[in-house]
Protein backbone atom coordinates (compact mmCIF):
# COMPACT_ATOMS: atom_id res chain seq x y z
CA MET A 1 8.97 -20.67 -15.40
CA PHE A 2 11.11 -21.95 -12.51
CA THR A 3 13.33 -24.95 -11.76
CA GLY A 4 12.43 -25.85 -8.18
CA ILE A 5 15.93 -25.01 -6.93
CA ILE A 6 15.29 -22.70 -3.99
CA GLU A 7 17.59 -19.66 -3.95
CA THR A 8 16.85 -18.58 -0.42
CA THR A 9 14.07 -18.33 2.14
CA GLY A 10 12.26 -15.19 3.17
CA VAL A 11 10.09 -14.16 6.10
CA VAL A 12 6.51 -12.94 5.79
CA THR A 13 6.21 -9.49 7.36
CA GLY A 14 2.58 -8.71 6.59
CA VAL A 15 -0.71 -10.19 5.38
CA ARG A 16 -3.38 -7.63 4.56
CA PRO A 17 -5.96 -6.67 1.93
CA ALA A 18 -4.29 -5.54 -1.27
CA PRO A 19 -4.82 -1.98 -2.50
CA PRO A 20 -7.99 -1.80 -4.65
CA SER A 21 -7.34 -2.91 -8.21
CA ALA A 22 -9.61 -3.91 -11.06
CA ASP A 23 -7.09 -6.58 -12.08
CA ALA A 24 -6.54 -8.15 -8.65
CA GLY A 25 -10.13 -7.96 -7.37
CA GLN A 26 -10.31 -8.81 -3.67
CA ALA A 27 -6.67 -9.82 -3.50
CA THR A 28 -4.49 -10.25 -0.43
CA ARG A 29 -1.22 -8.33 -0.18
CA LEU A 30 1.59 -10.58 1.02
CA ASP A 31 4.70 -8.73 2.21
CA VAL A 32 7.87 -10.83 2.28
CA ARG A 33 11.38 -9.85 3.35
CA LEU A 34 13.38 -10.90 0.28
CA GLY A 35 16.80 -9.63 1.33
CA GLY A 36 19.38 -9.67 -1.45
CA LEU A 37 16.98 -11.53 -3.74
CA LEU A 38 15.26 -8.21 -4.36
CA ASP A 39 18.39 -6.78 -6.02
CA GLY A 40 17.78 -6.42 -9.73
CA LEU A 41 14.09 -7.30 -9.51
CA ALA A 42 11.82 -4.79 -11.20
CA LEU A 43 8.17 -4.33 -10.42
CA GLY A 44 6.25 -6.93 -12.41
CA ALA A 45 8.93 -9.60 -12.01
CA SER A 46 7.88 -13.15 -11.17
CA VAL A 47 8.93 -14.84 -7.94
CA ALA A 48 7.91 -18.29 -6.73
CA VAL A 49 6.81 -18.03 -3.09
CA ASN A 50 6.37 -21.52 -1.63
CA GLY A 51 6.10 -22.67 -5.22
CA VAL A 52 3.38 -20.18 -6.18
CA CYS A 53 4.22 -17.84 -9.05
CA LEU A 54 3.53 -14.30 -7.84
CA THR A 55 4.17 -10.88 -9.35
CA LEU A 56 6.20 -8.28 -7.51
CA ALA A 57 3.70 -5.45 -7.01
CA ALA A 58 5.57 -3.22 -4.57
CA ARG A 59 8.95 -2.88 -2.91
CA GLN A 60 10.19 -1.02 0.12
CA GLY A 61 13.68 -1.60 1.43
CA ASP A 62 14.27 -5.35 1.29
CA VAL A 63 10.54 -6.18 1.48
CA GLY A 64 8.56 -7.15 -1.61
CA GLY A 65 4.79 -6.97 -1.86
CA PHE A 66 2.80 -9.58 -3.78
CA ASP A 67 -0.93 -9.56 -4.52
CA VAL A 68 -2.50 -13.02 -4.20
CA VAL A 69 -5.83 -13.39 -5.99
CA PRO A 70 -8.66 -15.34 -4.29
CA GLU A 71 -8.28 -18.47 -6.45
CA THR A 72 -4.57 -18.76 -5.62
CA TRP A 73 -5.29 -18.00 -1.97
CA ARG A 74 -7.80 -20.88 -1.78
CA ARG A 75 -5.70 -23.43 -3.67
CA SER A 76 -2.39 -22.93 -1.85
CA ASN A 77 -1.02 -22.97 1.67
CA LEU A 78 -0.35 -19.23 1.46
CA GLN A 79 -3.73 -18.81 3.15
CA HIS A 80 -2.11 -20.11 6.34
CA VAL A 81 1.02 -17.93 6.44
CA ARG A 82 1.35 -15.28 9.11
CA PRO A 83 3.95 -12.61 9.93
CA GLY A 84 7.07 -14.53 10.89
CA THR A 85 6.36 -17.52 8.60
CA ARG A 86 9.40 -18.59 6.55
CA VAL A 87 8.76 -19.24 2.84
CA ASN A 88 10.79 -20.67 -0.04
CA LEU A 89 11.84 -18.21 -2.74
CA GLU A 90 13.00 -18.58 -6.35
CA ARG A 91 13.30 -16.00 -9.10
CA ALA A 92 12.11 -16.83 -12.61
CA LEU A 93 14.39 -18.88 -14.86
CA ARG A 94 16.46 -16.91 -17.36
CA VAL A 95 17.31 -18.20 -20.83
CA GLY A 96 20.73 -19.83 -20.62
CA ASP A 97 20.49 -20.71 -16.90
CA ARG A 98 21.28 -24.23 -15.78
CA LEU A 99 18.19 -26.38 -15.25
CA ASP A 100 19.28 -28.25 -12.14
CA GLY A 101 15.77 -29.21 -11.05
CA HIS A 102 12.86 -29.63 -13.46
CA PHE A 103 10.40 -27.36 -15.25
CA VAL A 104 8.18 -25.78 -12.60
CA GLN A 105 5.41 -23.39 -13.64
CA GLY A 106 4.45 -22.06 -10.24
CA HIS A 107 0.87 -23.30 -10.66
CA VAL A 108 -0.28 -25.32 -7.67
CA ASP A 109 -2.26 -28.45 -8.61
CA GLY A 110 -3.41 -29.18 -5.08
CA LEU A 111 -2.50 -29.48 -1.45
CA GLY A 112 -0.91 -32.39 0.37
CA THR A 113 -0.54 -33.17 4.03
CA ALA A 114 2.88 -33.97 5.44
CA ASP A 115 2.90 -37.50 6.86
CA GLU A 116 5.76 -39.25 8.60
CA LEU A 117 9.42 -38.64 7.79
CA ASP A 118 10.97 -42.07 7.24
CA ARG A 119 14.66 -42.13 8.14
CA GLY A 120 15.20 -45.85 7.73
CA GLY A 121 17.47 -47.65 5.28
CA GLY A 122 20.07 -44.91 5.15
CA GLU A 123 17.77 -42.41 3.42
CA TRP A 124 15.22 -39.79 4.36
CA LYS A 125 11.79 -40.03 2.79
CA GLN A 126 8.95 -37.58 3.36
CA TRP A 127 5.52 -39.10 2.92
CA VAL A 128 2.75 -36.84 1.66
CA ALA A 129 -0.97 -37.65 1.62
CA THR A 130 -3.05 -36.10 -1.14
CA THR A 131 -6.20 -36.51 -3.20
CA PRO A 132 -6.64 -39.05 -6.04
CA ASP A 133 -6.83 -36.35 -8.72
CA VAL A 134 -3.37 -35.09 -7.77
CA LEU A 135 -1.94 -38.55 -7.12
CA ALA A 136 -2.87 -39.59 -10.66
CA TYR A 137 -0.02 -37.41 -11.97
CA ILE A 138 2.60 -38.53 -9.46
CA VAL A 139 4.99 -40.93 -11.21
CA PRO A 140 7.59 -43.11 -9.40
CA LYS A 141 11.11 -41.82 -10.11
CA GLY A 142 9.53 -38.74 -11.67
CA SER A 143 9.62 -35.16 -10.44
CA VAL A 144 7.30 -33.19 -8.19
CA ALA A 145 7.53 -29.77 -6.54
CA LEU A 146 6.61 -29.44 -2.85
CA ASP A 147 6.37 -25.84 -1.66
CA GLY A 148 8.39 -25.01 -4.77
CA VAL A 149 11.19 -27.53 -4.10
CA SER A 150 12.08 -29.88 -6.97
CA LEU A 151 12.13 -33.44 -5.61
CA THR A 152 12.27 -37.00 -6.90
CA VAL A 153 9.31 -39.28 -6.25
CA VAL A 154 10.25 -42.57 -4.57
CA ASP A 155 7.03 -44.44 -3.79
CA VAL A 156 3.42 -44.06 -4.89
CA THR A 157 0.77 -45.90 -2.89
CA PRO A 158 -3.00 -45.45 -2.51
CA GLY A 159 -3.59 -42.04 -0.99
CA ARG A 160 0.00 -40.90 -0.62
CA PHE A 161 3.51 -40.74 -2.07
CA SER A 162 7.04 -40.26 -0.81
CA VAL A 163 9.94 -38.09 -1.94
CA ALA A 164 13.67 -38.40 -1.30
CA LEU A 165 15.27 -35.71 0.86
CA ILE A 166 18.91 -34.87 1.43
CA PRO A 167 20.37 -32.84 4.33
CA THR A 168 21.06 -29.85 2.05
CA THR A 169 17.37 -29.63 1.10
CA LEU A 170 16.31 -29.87 4.73
CA ARG A 171 18.68 -27.05 5.69
CA ALA A 172 18.18 -24.72 2.74
CA THR A 173 14.38 -24.88 2.47
CA THR A 174 11.38 -24.88 4.77
CA LEU A 175 10.86 -28.63 4.31
CA GLY A 176 13.10 -29.26 7.32
CA GLU A 177 10.53 -27.42 9.46
CA ARG A 178 7.50 -29.37 8.28
CA ARG A 179 5.64 -31.50 10.83
CA PRO A 180 2.93 -34.15 10.35
CA GLY A 181 -0.30 -32.43 9.43
CA ASP A 182 1.29 -29.40 7.77
CA LEU A 183 -0.07 -28.48 4.35
CA LEU A 184 2.25 -28.53 1.33
CA ASN A 185 1.74 -26.98 -2.10
CA ILE A 186 2.00 -29.67 -4.79
CA GLU A 187 2.82 -29.04 -8.43
CA THR A 188 3.02 -32.20 -10.51
CA ASP A 189 5.42 -32.56 -13.43
CA ILE A 190 4.10 -30.75 -16.51
CA LEU A 191 5.44 -33.51 -18.78
CA ALA A 192 3.52 -36.20 -16.89
CA ARG A 193 0.38 -34.05 -16.89
CA THR A 194 0.61 -33.45 -20.62
CA VAL A 195 1.16 -37.13 -21.51
CA LEU A 196 -1.58 -38.44 -19.23
CA HIS A 197 -4.00 -35.75 -20.39
CA ARG A 198 -3.38 -36.72 -24.00
CA LEU A 199 -3.68 -40.44 -23.29
CA GLY A 200 -6.99 -39.77 -21.56
CA HIS A 201 -8.36 -38.19 -24.72
CA LEU A 202 -7.07 -41.07 -26.84
CA ALA A 203 -8.65 -43.63 -24.51
CA ALA A 204 -11.94 -41.75 -24.79
CA GLY A 205 -11.75 -41.97 -28.58
CA GLU A 206 -11.05 -38.26 -28.98
CA THR A 207 -8.11 -38.76 -31.29
CA GLY A 208 -7.87 -35.36 -32.90
CA GLY A 209 -4.30 -36.30 -33.79
CA VAL A 210 -2.13 -35.68 -36.80
CA THR A 211 -3.06 -37.84 -39.79
CA TRP A 212 -0.75 -39.33 -42.46
CA GLU A 213 -2.50 -37.07 -44.99
CA GLN A 214 -1.59 -33.98 -42.97
CA LEU A 215 2.03 -35.14 -42.65
CA ARG A 216 2.28 -35.73 -46.38
CA ALA A 217 0.75 -32.33 -47.14
CA ALA A 218 3.32 -30.70 -44.88
CA GLY A 219 6.18 -32.55 -46.61
CA PHE A 220 7.15 -34.80 -43.68
CA VAL A 221 6.14 -38.02 -45.47
CA SER A 222 6.71 -38.86 -49.11
């Protein structure tokens, strides 16, 4: 679990086939220079790379190696990184840490395409075009993670949405480097997904909910 507050950025140093493994299958080994972020990280630790939860599989100096399975490779923009590409990095949330962003799982729901950056009205808004299945879970004034960055949704219109950006975010993450047409990893808010998923079942008549009889049997209702 992550918060979408980027700790630092790293640079990809290698993209190559992962060492053979029954668990990883035909995975791709992604080598990333993590710098000081690697301190205290044991093999098997989780790191969000551009918002994708990956497991630290190897380490050498300040470079960490991550094995990306084919499904993750296809669903994320990691398939387009090359040596020299800068990526957003965040270590997993620890119990007791401040939750300054929102709950981010590191599971990419889909890809979006960076549209124009609107600088009018005294604010910066990044517009992102995406598919209807992803857009269904984008809620105005709600949260969304773009390349692992926790952001607030401003507008939702047919085919696209916008997020509010501040200068700190543009400087501290890779979002300041994005240009129209670039692909962005999108993770929608887990709370919105859960509520809308449940409402969909209720609308379809698949109640399956808790009954008054069950509540009484459990002692919640007299």
